């Protein structure tokens, strides 16, 4: 079976480094990955805003453990996931595609591996308010979603 892997032919490292901050994104790919201890959703995002990062891609995980379900629910709710599926406690990978929202990301290196963290979420409709906030504005100040 052949698989397309975006960017495989490019040997260049990303000159902009790791992503930290607020971004308006679209879900480009989603896959549930089963793991005995920590099942997770593997998500690939495309950055829509700010323009300086337009079309850049990054991947991140949302864990599906009992302790992490609050964060998965927060993501699904803010990104406008189908409420009927959410009420039935179902995640459809195809229904996740093309959903848009705001994420706050940070970067972590652990045991020699690099990870992109999803720290917070907000509906796409709040992008204008979030992107206009002065740099250094404390998290949660003036925003009910905690961004």
C-alpha atoms as a PDB file:
ATOM      1  CA  UNK A   1       0.000   0.000   0.000  1.00  0.00           C
ATOM      2  CA  UNK A   2       1.311   3.445  -0.902  1.00  0.00           C
ATOM      3  CA  UNK A   3       0.894   6.378   1.436  1.00  0.00           C
ATOM      4  CA  UNK A   4       1.348  10.049   0.667  1.00  0.00           C
ATOM      5  CA  UNK A   5       3.503  11.791   3.264  1.00  0.00           C
ATOM      6  CA  UNK A   6       3.423  15.567   2.935  1.00  0.00           C
ATOM      7  CA  UNK A   7       6.890  17.163   2.922  1.00  0.00           C
ATOM      8  CA  UNK A   8       8.837  13.898   2.713  1.00  0.00           C
ATOM      9  CA  UNK A   9      10.846  15.058  -0.287  1.00  0.00           C
ATOM     10  CA  UNK A  10      12.017  18.213   1.473  1.00  0.00           C
ATOM     11  CA  UNK A  11      15.218  17.890   3.468  1.00  0.00           C
ATOM     12  CA  UNK A  12      15.012  21.424   4.841  1.00  0.00           C
ATOM     13  CA  UNK A  13      14.220  22.060   8.489  1.00  0.00           C
ATOM     14  CA  UNK A  14      11.457  24.511   9.233  1.00  0.00           C
ATOM     15  CA  UNK A  15      13.199  27.899   9.553  1.00  0.00           C
ATOM     16  CA  UNK A  16      10.484  29.294  11.817  1.00  0.00           C
ATOM     17  CA  UNK A  17      11.078  26.719  14.530  1.00  0.00           C
ATOM     18  CA  UNK A  18       8.400  25.428  16.854  1.00  0.00           C
ATOM     19  CA  UNK A  19       4.930  26.890  17.062  1.00  0.00           C
ATOM     20  CA  UNK A  20       4.014  28.818  20.178  1.00  0.00           C
ATOM     21  CA  UNK A  21       0.995  31.071  20.396  1.00  0.00           C
ATOM     22  CA  UNK A  22      -2.527  31.522  19.057  1.00  0.00           C
ATOM     23  CA  UNK A  23      -3.565  30.282  15.630  1.00  0.00           C
ATOM     24  CA  UNK A  24      -6.768  30.041  13.624  1.00  0.00           C
ATOM     25  CA  UNK A  25      -6.642  26.502  12.248  1.00  0.00           C
ATOM     26  CA  UNK A  26      -8.570  23.935  10.228  1.00  0.00           C
ATOM     27  CA  UNK A  27      -8.513  20.207  10.936  1.00  0.00           C
ATOM     28  CA  UNK A  28      -6.904  18.628   7.874  1.00  0.00           C
ATOM     29  CA  UNK A  29      -6.675  15.027   9.067  1.00  0.00           C
ATOM     30  CA  UNK A  30      -7.843  13.044  12.087  1.00  0.00           C
ATOM     31  CA  UNK A  31      -7.218   9.471  13.123  1.00  0.00           C
ATOM     32  CA  UNK A  32      -8.008   7.569  16.292  1.00  0.00           C
ATOM     33  CA  UNK A  33      -4.980   5.638  17.553  1.00  0.00           C
ATOM     34  CA  UNK A  34      -5.519   2.881  20.052  1.00  0.00           C
ATOM     35  CA  UNK A  35      -2.911   2.407  22.745  1.00  0.00           C
ATOM     36  CA  UNK A  36      -3.375   0.176  25.762  1.00  0.00           C
ATOM     37  CA  UNK A  37      -2.579   2.924  28.258  1.00  0.00           C
ATOM     38  CA  UNK A  38      -3.297   6.136  26.345  1.00  0.00           C
ATOM     39  CA  UNK A  39      -5.551   6.035  23.287  1.00  0.00           C
ATOM     40  CA  UNK A  40      -5.542   9.341  21.400  1.00  0.00           C
ATOM     41  CA  UNK A  41      -6.780  11.321  18.442  1.00  0.00           C
ATOM     42  CA  UNK A  42      -3.934  12.177  16.111  1.00  0.00           C
ATOM     43  CA  UNK A  43      -4.849  15.524  14.547  1.00  0.00           C
ATOM     44  CA  UNK A  44      -3.196  17.419  11.728  1.00  0.00           C
ATOM     45  CA  UNK A  45      -3.976  21.120  11.463  1.00  0.00           C
ATOM     46  CA  UNK A  46      -3.462  23.719   8.735  1.00  0.00           C
ATOM     47  CA  UNK A  47      -2.875  27.255   9.983  1.00  0.00           C
ATOM     48  CA  UNK A  48      -5.196  29.827   8.412  1.00  0.00           C
ATOM     49  CA  UNK A  49      -4.153  32.884  10.446  1.00  0.00           C
ATOM     50  CA  UNK A  50      -1.922  34.781  11.165  1.00  0.00           C
ATOM     51  CA  UNK A  51      -0.748  35.380   7.611  1.00  0.00           C
ATOM     52  CA  UNK A  52       2.900  34.866   8.628  1.00  0.00           C
ATOM     53  CA  UNK A  53       2.105  31.173   9.234  1.00  0.00           C
ATOM     54  CA  UNK A  54      -0.493  30.732   6.458  1.00  0.00           C
ATOM     55  CA  UNK A  55      -0.715  27.147   5.112  1.00  0.00           C
ATOM     56  CA  UNK A  56       1.800  25.810   7.622  1.00  0.00           C
ATOM     57  CA  UNK A  57       0.880  22.405   9.073  1.00  0.00           C
ATOM     58  CA  UNK A  58       1.394  20.824  12.451  1.00  0.00           C
ATOM     59  CA  UNK A  59       0.274  17.706  14.260  1.00  0.00           C
ATOM     60  CA  UNK A  60      -0.826  17.200  17.838  1.00  0.00           C
ATOM     61  CA  UNK A  61      -2.561  14.623  20.004  1.00  0.00           C
ATOM     62  CA  UNK A  62      -5.679  14.755  22.103  1.00  0.00           C
ATOM     63  CA  UNK A  63      -5.762  11.871  24.540  1.00  0.00           C
ATOM     64  CA  UNK A  64      -8.949   9.843  25.060  1.00  0.00           C
ATOM     65  CA  UNK A  65      -8.290   8.626  28.585  1.00  0.00           C
ATOM     66  CA  UNK A  66     -10.894   9.178  31.308  1.00  0.00           C
ATOM     67  CA  UNK A  67      -8.775  11.943  32.846  1.00  0.00           C
ATOM     68  CA  UNK A  68      -8.355  13.745  29.507  1.00  0.00           C
ATOM     69  CA  UNK A  69     -11.917  13.609  28.180  1.00  0.00           C
ATOM     70  CA  UNK A  70     -12.645  17.136  29.437  1.00  0.00           C
ATOM     71  CA  UNK A  71     -10.053  18.497  27.004  1.00  0.00           C
ATOM     72  CA  UNK A  72     -11.362  16.451  24.087  1.00  0.00           C
ATOM     73  CA  UNK A  73     -14.882  17.699  24.864  1.00  0.00           C
ATOM     74  CA  UNK A  74     -13.605  21.304  25.016  1.00  0.00           C
ATOM     75  CA  UNK A  75     -11.938  20.895  21.610  1.00  0.00           C
ATOM     76  CA  UNK A  76     -14.996  19.301  19.989  1.00  0.00           C
ATOM     77  CA  UNK A  77     -17.369  21.906  21.408  1.00  0.00           C
ATOM     78  CA  UNK A  78     -15.290  24.946  20.427  1.00  0.00           C
ATOM     79  CA  UNK A  79     -14.563  23.614  16.947  1.00  0.00           C
ATOM     80  CA  UNK A  80     -18.282  23.130  16.255  1.00  0.00           C
ATOM     81  CA  UNK A  81     -18.380  19.345  16.187  1.00  0.00           C
ATOM     82  CA  UNK A  82     -21.785  17.759  15.536  1.00  0.00           C
ATOM     83  CA  UNK A  83     -23.677  18.005  18.849  1.00  0.00           C
ATOM     84  CA  UNK A  84     -25.787  14.939  18.047  1.00  0.00           C
ATOM     85  CA  UNK A  85     -22.658  12.785  17.682  1.00  0.00           C
ATOM     86  CA  UNK A  86     -21.164  14.379  20.796  1.00  0.00           C
ATOM     87  CA  UNK A  87     -24.318  13.624  22.798  1.00  0.00           C
ATOM     88  CA  UNK A  88     -24.078   9.994  21.667  1.00  0.00           C
ATOM     89  CA  UNK A  89     -20.413   9.995  22.781  1.00  0.00           C
ATOM     90  CA  UNK A  90     -19.207   9.273  19.254  1.00  0.00           C
ATOM     91  CA  UNK A  91     -16.239  10.730  17.406  1.00  0.00           C
ATOM     92  CA  UNK A  92     -16.384  10.397  13.634  1.00  0.00           C
ATOM     93  CA  UNK A  93     -12.986  11.053  12.059  1.00  0.00           C
ATOM     94  CA  UNK A  94     -14.608  12.277   8.837  1.00  0.00           C
ATOM     95  CA  UNK A  95     -16.864  14.689  10.749  1.00  0.00           C
ATOM     96  CA  UNK A  96     -13.737  16.301  12.246  1.00  0.00           C
ATOM     97  CA  UNK A  97     -12.311  17.228   8.841  1.00  0.00           C
ATOM     98  CA  UNK A  98     -12.589  20.896   7.891  1.00  0.00           C
ATOM     99  CA  UNK A  99     -13.653  21.998  11.386  1.00  0.00           C
ATOM    100  CA  UNK A 100     -12.185  25.388  12.254  1.00  0.00           C
ATOM    101  CA  UNK A 101     -11.241  27.011  15.524  1.00  0.00           C
ATOM    102  CA  UNK A 102      -8.545  28.748  17.522  1.00  0.00           C
ATOM    103  CA  UNK A 103      -5.783  26.886  19.338  1.00  0.00           C
ATOM    104  CA  UNK A 104      -3.081  28.032  21.685  1.00  0.00           C
ATOM    105  CA  UNK A 105      -0.010  25.889  21.194  1.00  0.00           C
ATOM    106  CA  UNK A 106       3.292  25.375  22.921  1.00  0.00           C
ATOM    107  CA  UNK A 107       6.240  23.135  22.284  1.00  0.00           C
ATOM    108  CA  UNK A 108       7.742  20.506  24.574  1.00  0.00           C
ATOM    109  CA  UNK A 109      10.798  18.299  24.255  1.00  0.00           C
ATOM    110  CA  UNK A 110      10.736  15.140  26.347  1.00  0.00           C
ATOM    111  CA  UNK A 111      13.208  12.265  26.255  1.00  0.00           C
ATOM    112  CA  UNK A 112      14.694  13.548  23.019  1.00  0.00           C
ATOM    113  CA  UNK A 113      11.325  13.787  21.256  1.00  0.00           C
ATOM    114  CA  UNK A 114       9.541  16.930  20.198  1.00  0.00           C
ATOM    115  CA  UNK A 115       5.814  17.459  20.901  1.00  0.00           C
ATOM    116  CA  UNK A 116       3.328  20.154  19.946  1.00  0.00           C
ATOM    117  CA  UNK A 117       0.903  20.770  22.830  1.00  0.00           C
ATOM    118  CA  UNK A 118      -2.667  21.978  22.457  1.00  0.00           C
ATOM    119  CA  UNK A 119      -3.094  24.235  25.480  1.00  0.00           C
ATOM    120  CA  UNK A 120      -6.432  25.957  24.825  1.00  0.00           C
ATOM    121  CA  UNK A 121      -9.269  26.264  22.320  1.00  0.00           C
ATOM    122  CA  UNK A 122     -11.852  28.807  21.199  1.00  0.00           C
ATOM    123  CA  UNK A 123     -14.459  29.025  18.438  1.00  0.00           C
ATOM    124  CA  UNK A 124     -13.247  30.439  15.107  1.00  0.00           C
ATOM    125  CA  UNK A 125     -15.625  33.379  15.588  1.00  0.00           C
ATOM    126  CA  UNK A 126     -13.395  34.637  18.420  1.00  0.00           C
ATOM    127  CA  UNK A 127     -10.252  34.860  16.285  1.00  0.00           C
ATOM    128  CA  UNK A 128     -10.605  38.622  15.678  1.00  0.00           C
ATOM    129  CA  UNK A 129     -10.742  39.399  19.412  1.00  0.00           C
ATOM    130  CA  UNK A 130      -7.901  37.008  20.242  1.00  0.00           C
ATOM    131  CA  UNK A 131      -5.608  38.147  17.442  1.00  0.00           C
ATOM    132  CA  UNK A 132      -6.133  41.823  18.351  1.00  0.00           C
ATOM    133  CA  UNK A 133      -5.226  41.303  22.013  1.00  0.00           C
ATOM    134  CA  UNK A 134      -1.917  42.905  22.955  1.00  0.00           C
ATOM    135  CA  UNK A 135       1.011  40.538  23.282  1.00  0.00           C
ATOM    136  CA  UNK A 136       1.501  39.632  26.926  1.00  0.00           C
ATOM    137  CA  UNK A 137      -2.187  39.866  27.837  1.00  0.00           C
ATOM    138  CA  UNK A 138      -2.708  37.382  30.686  1.00  0.00           C
ATOM    139  CA  UNK A 139      -4.496  34.192  29.762  1.00  0.00           C
ATOM    140  CA  UNK A 140      -8.201  34.346  30.553  1.00  0.00           C
ATOM    141  CA  UNK A 141      -8.324  38.144  30.844  1.00  0.00           C
ATOM    142  CA  UNK A 142     -11.458  39.353  29.123  1.00  0.00           C
ATOM    143  CA  UNK A 143     -12.306  36.010  27.553  1.00  0.00           C
ATOM    144  CA  UNK A 144     -14.771  33.478  28.925  1.00  0.00           C
ATOM    145  CA  UNK A 145     -13.058  30.564  27.139  1.00  0.00           C
ATOM    146  CA  UNK A 146      -9.828  30.968  29.056  1.00  0.00           C
ATOM    147  CA  UNK A 147      -7.789  32.151  26.103  1.00  0.00           C
END
